[in-house]
Amino acid sequence: MVLPLASGEFAPLAPSGRPAFWAVTGRLGGVSRGPFDQANLADHVGDSLAAVMENRASLAAVVDLSSEHLVHMAPVHGSSHAFVDSGGQAGEVDALITTSDTLGLVALGADCATVGIHAWGPESGVAIAAVHCGWKGLCADVLGATLAQLRSLGATKFQAVIGPAICGGCYKVEEERIHTVTESCAPDVARAALAFAGGIDVREGLFVALTVAGIPTQIAGGCTFENSEELFSYRRNNVTGRQGLVIRIGGASA
């Protein structure tokens, strides 16, 4: 069974709200072999499809769902989202949003950050989002676009969790990429993301963006590059699996 690195419950954001459950996985507890050992959740990296499907079913069970009620995305490193009301593949987006309590939203990464968001508003009720964000997504402000969409639904209160990602000390990049972050991101976000000389720390940038927005945020898991026992890292291994973040609204089980 896929073993979460961390899991938790977001408390209701209002008396009329509902909780949300989340879990962050690493590479432990699944059935994949070779470079995808053990809990790979991605079906596009060369792993056995049967192993991926078994791992995904195990992930679904962590949040008390069946695998057909998980929603997956195909990230394109932009700022687009999909509002979903059924399980399966949502297409080429970097964020998923739902108000359904029978769906689990999944974001995957192997150095990129993943974010789970729990939201509530008197008009929207409870909504959740799962976000995939690498350095391009940070520059495109996929997080801001997702929060804006949740607000457009009527959400007024939020809380979030960020999964593991490569740190700025391990993610050294060319000067042009540093310049793009500086020019594209809000000053506070850029300073946080570029705190390591010559590197980009996407997770720190996201954490500051959420903090500036007044959103309480937890961090789960460490640097993907440094923790080879528990985490996949594309920069470290190139051919590798993907860990995930799953979030669902508390309520009826599927």
C-alpha atoms as a PDB file:
ATOM      1  CA  MET A   1       0.000   0.000   0.000  1.00  0.00           C
ATOM      2  CA  VAL A   2       1.198   3.507  -0.815  1.00  0.00           C
ATOM      3  CA  LEU A   3       2.515   5.031   2.415  1.00  0.00           C
ATOM      4  CA  PRO A   4       1.849   8.755   2.838  1.00  0.00           C
ATOM      5  CA  LEU A   5       4.771  10.905   3.912  1.00  0.00           C
ATOM      6  CA  ALA A   6       2.217  13.066   5.677  1.00  0.00           C
ATOM      7  CA  SER A   7      -1.545  13.398   5.882  1.00  0.00           C
ATOM      8  CA  GLY A   8      -4.008  15.567   7.699  1.00  0.00           C
ATOM      9  CA  GLU A   9      -7.417  17.137   7.997  1.00  0.00           C
ATOM     10  CA  PHE A  10      -8.288  20.743   7.295  1.00  0.00           C
ATOM     11  CA  ALA A  11     -10.854  21.830   9.874  1.00  0.00           C
ATOM     12  CA  PRO A  12     -14.058  23.469   8.617  1.00  0.00           C
ATOM     13  CA  LEU A  13     -13.511  27.132   7.790  1.00  0.00           C
ATOM     14  CA  ALA A  14     -16.941  28.154   9.067  1.00  0.00           C
ATOM     15  CA  PRO A  15     -19.767  26.625  11.131  1.00  0.00           C
ATOM     16  CA  SER A  16     -21.518  25.744   7.880  1.00  0.00           C
ATOM     17  CA  GLY A  17     -18.311  24.421   6.315  1.00  0.00           C
ATOM     18  CA  ARG A  18     -16.893  20.928   6.079  1.00  0.00           C
ATOM     19  CA  PRO A  19     -13.409  19.505   6.569  1.00  0.00           C
ATOM     20  CA  ALA A  20     -11.059  18.391   3.827  1.00  0.00           C
ATOM     21  CA  PHE A  21      -8.629  15.494   3.956  1.00  0.00           C
ATOM     22  CA  TRP A  22      -5.211  15.513   2.287  1.00  0.00           C
ATOM     23  CA  ALA A  23      -2.220  13.233   1.932  1.00  0.00           C
ATOM     24  CA  VAL A  24       1.250  13.664   0.436  1.00  0.00           C
ATOM     25  CA  THR A  25       3.077  10.604  -0.872  1.00  0.00           C
ATOM     26  CA  GLY A  26       6.698   9.788  -1.613  1.00  0.00           C
ATOM     27  CA  ARG A  27       8.213   6.719  -3.202  1.00  0.00           C
ATOM     28  CA  LEU A  28       7.446   4.210  -0.441  1.00  0.00           C
ATOM     29  CA  GLY A  29       4.832   1.487  -0.184  1.00  0.00           C
ATOM     30  CA  GLY A  30       3.805   0.843  -3.796  1.00  0.00           C
ATOM     31  CA  VAL A  31       4.362  -2.013  -6.221  1.00  0.00           C
ATOM     32  CA  SER A  32       6.441  -0.377  -8.984  1.00  0.00           C
ATOM     33  CA  ARG A  33       9.929  -1.699  -9.714  1.00  0.00           C
ATOM     34  CA  GLY A  34      13.219  -0.482 -11.124  1.00  0.00           C
ATOM     35  CA  PRO A  35      13.692   3.275 -11.311  1.00  0.00           C
ATOM     36  CA  PHE A  36      10.013   3.725 -10.379  1.00  0.00           C
ATOM     37  CA  ASP A  37      10.435   1.879  -7.088  1.00  0.00           C
ATOM     38  CA  GLN A  38       7.984   1.855  -5.314  1.00  0.00           C
ATOM     39  CA  ALA A  39       4.970   4.182  -5.267  1.00  0.00           C
ATOM     40  CA  ASN A  40       5.074   5.835  -8.695  1.00  0.00           C
ATOM     41  CA  LEU A  41       1.719   7.437  -9.554  1.00  0.00           C
ATOM     42  CA  ALA A  42       2.454   8.653 -13.096  1.00  0.00           C
ATOM     43  CA  ASP A  43       1.368   6.779 -16.213  1.00  0.00           C
ATOM     44  CA  HIS A  44       3.631   8.704 -18.618  1.00  0.00           C
ATOM     45  CA  VAL A  45       7.125   7.870 -17.320  1.00  0.00           C
ATOM     46  CA  GLY A  46       7.598   4.321 -18.657  1.00  0.00           C
ATOM     47  CA  ASP A  47       6.405   2.371 -15.621  1.00  0.00           C
ATOM     48  CA  SER A  48       4.119  -0.664 -15.893  1.00  0.00           C
ATOM     49  CA  LEU A  49       0.555   0.584 -16.311  1.00  0.00           C
ATOM     50  CA  ALA A  50      -0.700  -2.226 -14.080  1.00  0.00           C
ATOM     51  CA  ALA A  51       1.642  -1.104 -11.312  1.00  0.00           C
ATOM     52  CA  VAL A  52       0.560   2.529 -11.699  1.00  0.00           C
ATOM     53  CA  MET A  53      -3.105   1.588 -11.521  1.00  0.00           C
ATOM     54  CA  GLU A  54      -2.512  -0.471  -8.376  1.00  0.00           C
ATOM     55  CA  ASN A  55      -0.595   2.414  -6.799  1.00  0.00           C
ATOM     56  CA  ARG A  56      -3.380   4.851  -7.679  1.00  0.00           C
ATOM     57  CA  ALA A  57      -5.996   2.566  -6.164  1.00  0.00           C
ATOM     58  CA  SER A  58      -3.904   2.490  -3.014  1.00  0.00           C
ATOM     59  CA  LEU A  59      -3.671   6.295  -3.035  1.00  0.00           C
ATOM     60  CA  ALA A  60      -7.449   6.573  -3.375  1.00  0.00           C
ATOM     61  CA  ALA A  61      -7.918   4.330  -0.355  1.00  0.00           C
ATOM     62  CA  VAL A  62      -5.831   6.712   1.752  1.00  0.00           C
ATOM     63  CA  VAL A  63      -8.649   9.275   1.428  1.00  0.00           C
ATOM     64  CA  ASP A  64     -11.417   6.656   1.526  1.00  0.00           C
ATOM     65  CA  LEU A  65     -12.234   6.670  -2.177  1.00  0.00           C
ATOM     66  CA  SER A  66     -12.101   4.212  -5.061  1.00  0.00           C
ATOM     67  CA  SER A  67      -9.625   4.886  -7.859  1.00  0.00           C
ATOM     68  CA  GLU A  68     -12.306   5.846 -10.417  1.00  0.00           C
ATOM     69  CA  HIS A  69     -13.106   8.836  -8.210  1.00  0.00           C
ATOM     70  CA  LEU A  70      -9.616  10.287  -8.434  1.00  0.00           C
ATOM     71  CA  VAL A  71      -9.065  13.143 -10.893  1.00  0.00           C
ATOM     72  CA  HIS A  72      -5.690  13.460 -12.614  1.00  0.00           C
ATOM     73  CA  MET A  73      -4.232  16.238 -14.735  1.00  0.00           C
ATOM     74  CA  ALA A  74      -1.607  16.395 -17.483  1.00  0.00           C
ATOM     75  CA  PRO A  75       0.491  19.418 -16.417  1.00  0.00           C
ATOM     76  CA  VAL A  76       1.711  21.815 -19.088  1.00  0.00           C
ATOM     77  CA  HIS A  77       3.579  24.248 -16.801  1.00  0.00           C
ATOM     78  CA  GLY A  78       1.083  27.057 -17.290  1.00  0.00           C
ATOM     79  CA  SER A  79      -1.737  28.632 -15.300  1.00  0.00           C
ATOM     80  CA  SER A  80      -4.833  26.893 -16.665  1.00  0.00           C
ATOM     81  CA  HIS A  81      -7.304  24.988 -14.495  1.00  0.00           C
ATOM     82  CA  ALA A  82     -10.245  22.625 -14.860  1.00  0.00           C
ATOM     83  CA  PHE A  83     -13.406  22.591 -12.747  1.00  0.00           C
ATOM     84  CA  VAL A  84     -14.290  18.911 -12.422  1.00  0.00           C
ATOM     85  CA  ASP A  85     -17.353  16.964 -11.341  1.00  0.00           C
ATOM     86  CA  SER A  86     -16.338  13.423 -12.335  1.00  0.00           C
ATOM     87  CA  GLY A  87     -13.296  11.199 -11.954  1.00  0.00           C
ATOM     88  CA  GLY A  88     -10.678  10.404 -14.573  1.00  0.00           C
ATOM     89  CA  GLN A  89      -8.292  12.474 -16.658  1.00  0.00           C
ATOM     90  CA  ALA A  90      -9.020  16.202 -16.717  1.00  0.00           C
ATOM     91  CA  GLY A  91      -6.688  17.147 -19.561  1.00  0.00           C
ATOM     92  CA  GLU A  92      -3.758  19.518 -20.016  1.00  0.00           C
ATOM     93  CA  VAL A  93      -4.049  21.812 -17.013  1.00  0.00           C
ATOM     94  CA  ASP A  94      -1.994  22.635 -13.930  1.00  0.00           C
ATOM     95  CA  ALA A  95      -4.822  22.970 -11.423  1.00  0.00           C
ATOM     96  CA  LEU A  96      -8.020  21.104 -10.586  1.00  0.00           C
ATOM     97  CA  ILE A  97     -11.012  22.519  -8.686  1.00  0.00           C
ATOM     98  CA  THR A  98     -14.156  20.818  -7.399  1.00  0.00           C
ATOM     99  CA  THR A  99     -17.036  21.224  -4.958  1.00  0.00           C
ATOM    100  CA  SER A 100     -17.843  17.505  -5.027  1.00  0.00           C
ATOM    101  CA  ASP A 101     -17.288  15.429  -1.883  1.00  0.00           C
ATOM    102  CA  THR A 102     -16.948  12.215  -3.906  1.00  0.00           C
ATOM    103  CA  LEU A 103     -13.795  13.219  -5.788  1.00  0.00           C
ATOM    104  CA  GLY A 104     -10.120  13.253  -4.867  1.00  0.00           C
ATOM    105  CA  LEU A 105      -7.976  15.759  -6.755  1.00  0.00           C
ATOM    106  CA  VAL A 106      -4.415  14.672  -7.521  1.00  0.00           C
ATOM    107  CA  ALA A 107      -1.311  16.695  -8.374  1.00  0.00           C
ATOM    108  CA  LEU A 108       1.973  14.923  -9.166  1.00  0.00           C
ATOM    109  CA  GLY A 109       5.580  16.041  -9.109  1.00  0.00           C
ATOM    110  CA  ALA A 110       9.188  14.883  -9.105  1.00  0.00           C
ATOM    111  CA  ASP A 111      10.863  18.215  -8.147  1.00  0.00           C
ATOM    112  CA  CYS A 112       7.897  20.478  -8.972  1.00  0.00           C
ATOM    113  CA  ALA A 113       5.745  21.518  -6.021  1.00  0.00           C
ATOM    114  CA  THR A 114       2.203  20.377  -5.360  1.00  0.00           C
ATOM    115  CA  VAL A 115      -0.385  22.403  -3.459  1.00  0.00           C
ATOM    116  CA  GLY A 116      -3.695  21.432  -1.891  1.00  0.00           C
ATOM    117  CA  ILE A 117      -6.198  24.194  -1.117  1.00  0.00           C
ATOM    118  CA  HIS A 118      -9.335  24.054   1.052  1.00  0.00           C
ATOM    119  CA  ALA A 119     -11.740  26.967   0.525  1.00  0.00           C
ATOM    120  CA  TRP A 120     -15.120  28.127   1.787  1.00  0.00           C
ATOM    121  CA  GLY A 121     -17.522  30.967   1.118  1.00  0.00           C
ATOM    122  CA  PRO A 122     -21.155  31.718   2.022  1.00  0.00           C
ATOM    123  CA  GLU A 123     -22.054  31.483  -1.667  1.00  0.00           C
ATOM    124  CA  SER A 124     -19.693  28.751  -2.835  1.00  0.00           C
ATOM    125  CA  GLY A 125     -19.797  26.434   0.155  1.00  0.00           C
ATOM    126  CA  VAL A 126     -16.731  24.195   0.350  1.00  0.00           C
ATOM    127  CA  ALA A 127     -14.350  23.868  -2.593  1.00  0.00           C
ATOM    128  CA  ILE A 128     -10.922  22.283  -2.981  1.00  0.00           C
ATOM    129  CA  ALA A 129      -8.087  22.597  -5.458  1.00  0.00           C
ATOM    130  CA  ALA A 130      -4.934  20.676  -6.343  1.00  0.00           C
ATOM    131  CA  VAL A 131      -2.131  22.586  -8.048  1.00  0.00           C
ATOM    132  CA  HIS A 132       1.062  21.533  -9.867  1.00  0.00           C
ATOM    133  CA  CYS A 133       3.756  24.206  -9.969  1.00  0.00           C
ATOM    134  CA  GLY A 134       7.302  24.282 -11.290  1.00  0.00           C
ATOM    135  CA  TRP A 135       9.364  27.389 -12.004  1.00  0.00           C
ATOM    136  CA  LYS A 136       7.332  28.129 -15.133  1.00  0.00           C
ATOM    137  CA  GLY A 137       4.102  27.800 -13.162  1.00  0.00           C
ATOM    138  CA  LEU A 138       5.501  30.159 -10.542  1.00  0.00           C
ATOM    139  CA  CYS A 139       6.195  32.711 -13.278  1.00  0.00           C
ATOM    140  CA  ALA A 140       2.766  32.126 -14.840  1.00  0.00           C
ATOM    141  CA  ASP A 141       1.191  32.488 -11.360  1.00  0.00           C
ATOM    142  CA  VAL A 142      -0.811  29.285 -11.503  1.00  0.00           C
ATOM    143  CA  LEU A 143      -1.413  29.649  -7.762  1.00  0.00           C
ATOM    144  CA  GLY A 144      -2.842  33.150  -8.143  1.00  0.00           C
ATOM    145  CA  ALA A 145      -5.015  32.044 -11.051  1.00  0.00           C
ATOM    146  CA  THR A 146      -6.381  29.146  -8.996  1.00  0.00           C
ATOM    147  CA  LEU A 147      -7.153  31.363  -5.999  1.00  0.00           C
ATOM    148  CA  ALA A 148      -8.836  33.872  -8.308  1.00  0.00           C
ATOM    149  CA  GLN A 149     -11.053  31.124  -9.722  1.00  0.00           C
ATOM    150  CA  LEU A 150     -11.990  29.948  -6.244  1.00  0.00           C
ATOM    151  CA  ARG A 151     -12.854  33.534  -5.296  1.00  0.00           C
ATOM    152  CA  SER A 152     -14.972  33.855  -8.414  1.00  0.00           C
ATOM    153  CA  LEU A 153     -17.002  30.902  -7.129  1.00  0.00           C
ATOM    154  CA  GLY A 154     -17.575  32.841  -3.908  1.00  0.00           C
ATOM    155  CA  ALA A 155     -14.787  31.519  -1.664  1.00  0.00           C
ATOM    156  CA  THR A 156     -13.610  33.939   1.016  1.00  0.00           C
ATOM    157  CA  LYS A 157     -11.569  31.747   3.387  1.00  0.00           C
ATOM    158  CA  PHE A 158      -8.680  29.428   2.552  1.00  0.00           C
ATOM    159  CA  GLN A 159      -6.061  27.091   3.976  1.00  0.00           C
ATOM    160  CA  ALA A 160      -3.345  25.192   2.139  1.00  0.00           C
ATOM    161  CA  VAL A 161      -0.650  22.538   2.225  1.00  0.00           C
ATOM    162  CA  ILE A 162       2.456  22.343   0.017  1.00  0.00           C
ATOM    163  CA  GLY A 163       4.106  19.007  -0.759  1.00  0.00           C
ATOM    164  CA  PRO A 164       7.796  18.172  -1.272  1.00  0.00           C
ATOM    165  CA  ALA A 165       9.842  19.939  -3.950  1.00  0.00           C
ATOM    166  CA  ILE A 166      13.453  20.536  -4.887  1.00  0.00           C
ATOM    167  CA  CYS A 167      15.095  23.265  -2.823  1.00  0.00           C
ATOM    168  CA  GLY A 168      16.895  26.299  -4.201  1.00  0.00           C
ATOM    169  CA  GLY A 169      20.277  24.985  -3.130  1.00  0.00           C
ATOM    170  CA  CYS A 170      19.830  21.873  -5.287  1.00  0.00           C
ATOM    171  CA  TYR A 171      18.051  23.505  -8.228  1.00  0.00           C
ATOM    172  CA  LYS A 172      20.792  25.575  -9.819  1.00  0.00           C
ATOM    173  CA  VAL A 173      19.780  27.162 -13.109  1.00  0.00           C
ATOM    174  CA  GLU A 174      21.082  29.467 -15.820  1.00  0.00           C
ATOM    175  CA  GLU A 175      20.976  33.241 -15.328  1.00  0.00           C
ATOM    176  CA  GLU A 176      18.240  33.684 -17.923  1.00  0.00           C
ATOM    177  CA  ARG A 177      15.849  31.617 -15.825  1.00  0.00           C
ATOM    178  CA  ILE A 178      16.694  33.672 -12.730  1.00  0.00           C
ATOM    179  CA  HIS A 179      15.924  36.819 -14.713  1.00  0.00           C
ATOM    180  CA  THR A 180      12.558  35.421 -15.825  1.00  0.00           C
ATOM    181  CA  VAL A 181      11.548  34.735 -12.217  1.00  0.00           C
ATOM    182  CA  THR A 182      12.630  38.227 -11.187  1.00  0.00           C
ATOM    183  CA  GLU A 183      10.668  39.871 -13.978  1.00  0.00           C
ATOM    184  CA  SER A 184       7.548  37.677 -13.816  1.00  0.00           C
ATOM    185  CA  CYS A 185       6.867  37.164 -10.109  1.00  0.00           C
ATOM    186  CA  ALA A 186       5.755  39.570  -7.414  1.00  0.00           C
ATOM    187  CA  PRO A 187       8.803  41.033  -5.617  1.00  0.00           C
ATOM    188  CA  ASP A 188       8.203  39.142  -2.339  1.00  0.00           C
ATOM    189  CA  VAL A 189       7.716  35.875  -4.208  1.00  0.00           C
ATOM    190  CA  ALA A 190      10.800  36.387  -6.372  1.00  0.00           C
ATOM    191  CA  ARG A 191      12.987  37.187  -3.344  1.00  0.00           C
ATOM    192  CA  ALA A 192      11.879  34.028  -1.577  1.00  0.00           C
ATOM    193  CA  ALA A 193      12.287  31.821  -4.647  1.00  0.00           C
ATOM    194  CA  LEU A 194      15.744  33.235  -5.387  1.00  0.00           C
ATOM    195  CA  ALA A 195      17.126  33.277  -1.844  1.00  0.00           C
ATOM    196  CA  PHE A 196      19.712  30.638  -2.810  1.00  0.00           C
ATOM    197  CA  ALA A 197      22.309  32.187  -5.094  1.00  0.00           C
ATOM    198  CA  GLY A 198      21.934  30.762  -8.602  1.00  0.00           C
ATOM    199  CA  GLY A 199      18.959  28.598  -7.708  1.00  0.00           C
ATOM    200  CA  ILE A 200      15.152  28.637  -7.702  1.00  0.00           C
ATOM    201  CA  ASP A 201      13.096  27.404  -4.748  1.00  0.00           C
ATOM    202  CA  VAL A 202       9.549  27.161  -6.077  1.00  0.00           C
ATOM    203  CA  ARG A 203       8.107  25.983  -2.796  1.00  0.00           C
ATOM    204  CA  GLU A 204       9.458  28.980  -0.881  1.00  0.00           C
ATOM    205  CA  GLY A 205       7.974  31.260  -3.505  1.00  0.00           C
ATOM    206  CA  LEU A 206       4.592  29.573  -3.177  1.00  0.00           C
ATOM    207  CA  PHE A 207       4.728  29.706   0.614  1.00  0.00           C
ATOM    208  CA  VAL A 208       5.371  33.457   0.564  1.00  0.00           C
ATOM    209  CA  ALA A 209       2.614  34.004  -2.009  1.00  0.00           C
ATOM    210  CA  LEU A 210       0.148  32.178   0.236  1.00  0.00           C
ATOM    211  CA  THR A 211       1.377  34.000   3.339  1.00  0.00           C
ATOM    212  CA  VAL A 212       1.028  37.408   1.682  1.00  0.00           C
ATOM    213  CA  ALA A 213      -2.522  36.393   0.717  1.00  0.00           C
ATOM    214  CA  GLY A 214      -3.240  35.661   4.382  1.00  0.00           C
ATOM    215  CA  ILE A 215      -3.677  31.923   3.835  1.00  0.00           C
ATOM    216  CA  PRO A 216      -2.481  29.576   6.616  1.00  0.00           C
ATOM    217  CA  THR A 217      -0.163  27.049   4.986  1.00  0.00           C
ATOM    218  CA  GLN A 218       1.510  23.816   6.043  1.00  0.00           C
ATOM    219  CA  ILE A 219       4.605  22.325   4.401  1.00  0.00           C
ATOM    220  CA  ALA A 220       4.862  18.539   4.110  1.00  0.00           C
ATOM    221  CA  GLY A 221       8.041  16.775   3.029  1.00  0.00           C
ATOM    222  CA  GLY A 222      11.528  18.055   2.302  1.00  0.00           C
ATOM    223  CA  CYS A 223      13.786  18.488  -0.713  1.00  0.00           C
ATOM    224  CA  THR A 224      13.163  15.900  -3.404  1.00  0.00           C
ATOM    225  CA  PHE A 225      16.784  15.918  -4.617  1.00  0.00           C
ATOM    226  CA  GLU A 226      18.294  15.370  -1.170  1.00  0.00           C
ATOM    227  CA  ASN A 227      15.994  12.576   0.025  1.00  0.00           C
ATOM    228  CA  SER A 228      16.619   9.666  -2.325  1.00  0.00           C
ATOM    229  CA  GLU A 229      15.140   7.081   0.067  1.00  0.00           C
ATOM    230  CA  GLU A 230      11.697   8.659   0.323  1.00  0.00           C
ATOM    231  CA  LEU A 231      11.260  10.955  -2.690  1.00  0.00           C
ATOM    232  CA  PHE A 232      11.469  10.846  -6.479  1.00  0.00           C
ATOM    233  CA  SER A 233      13.587  13.505  -8.180  1.00  0.00           C
ATOM    234  CA  TYR A 234      13.805  14.043 -11.922  1.00  0.00           C
ATOM    235  CA  ARG A 235      16.900  16.227 -11.589  1.00  0.00           C
ATOM    236  CA  ARG A 236      18.659  13.541  -9.559  1.00  0.00           C
ATOM    237  CA  ASN A 237      17.650  10.453 -11.551  1.00  0.00           C
ATOM    238  CA  ASN A 238      16.060  11.615 -14.834  1.00  0.00           C
ATOM    239  CA  VAL A 239      14.166   8.340 -15.305  1.00  0.00           C
ATOM    240  CA  THR A 240      12.014   8.196 -12.208  1.00  0.00           C
ATOM    241  CA  GLY A 241       8.496   8.097 -10.802  1.00  0.00           C
ATOM    242  CA  ARG A 242       6.233  10.830  -9.485  1.00  0.00           C
ATOM    243  CA  GLN A 243       4.943  11.396  -5.965  1.00  0.00           C
ATOM    244  CA  GLY A 244       1.610  13.026  -5.360  1.00  0.00           C
ATOM    245  CA  LEU A 245      -0.719  15.141  -3.300  1.00  0.00           C
ATOM    246  CA  VAL A 246      -4.374  14.165  -3.014  1.00  0.00           C
ATOM    247  CA  ILE A 247      -7.143  16.229  -1.437  1.00  0.00           C
ATOM    248  CA  ARG A 248     -10.874  15.613  -0.965  1.00  0.00           C
ATOM    249  CA  ILE A 249     -13.786  17.200   0.851  1.00  0.00           C
ATOM    250  CA  GLY A 250     -14.864  15.339   3.964  1.00  0.00           C
ATOM    251  CA  GLY A 251     -18.210  13.654   3.567  1.00  0.00           C
ATOM    252  CA  ALA A 252     -19.782  10.776   1.712  1.00  0.00           C
ATOM    253  CA  SER A 253     -17.501   7.991   0.545  1.00  0.00           C
ATOM    254  CA  ALA A 254     -17.649   6.871  -3.072  1.00  0.00           C
END
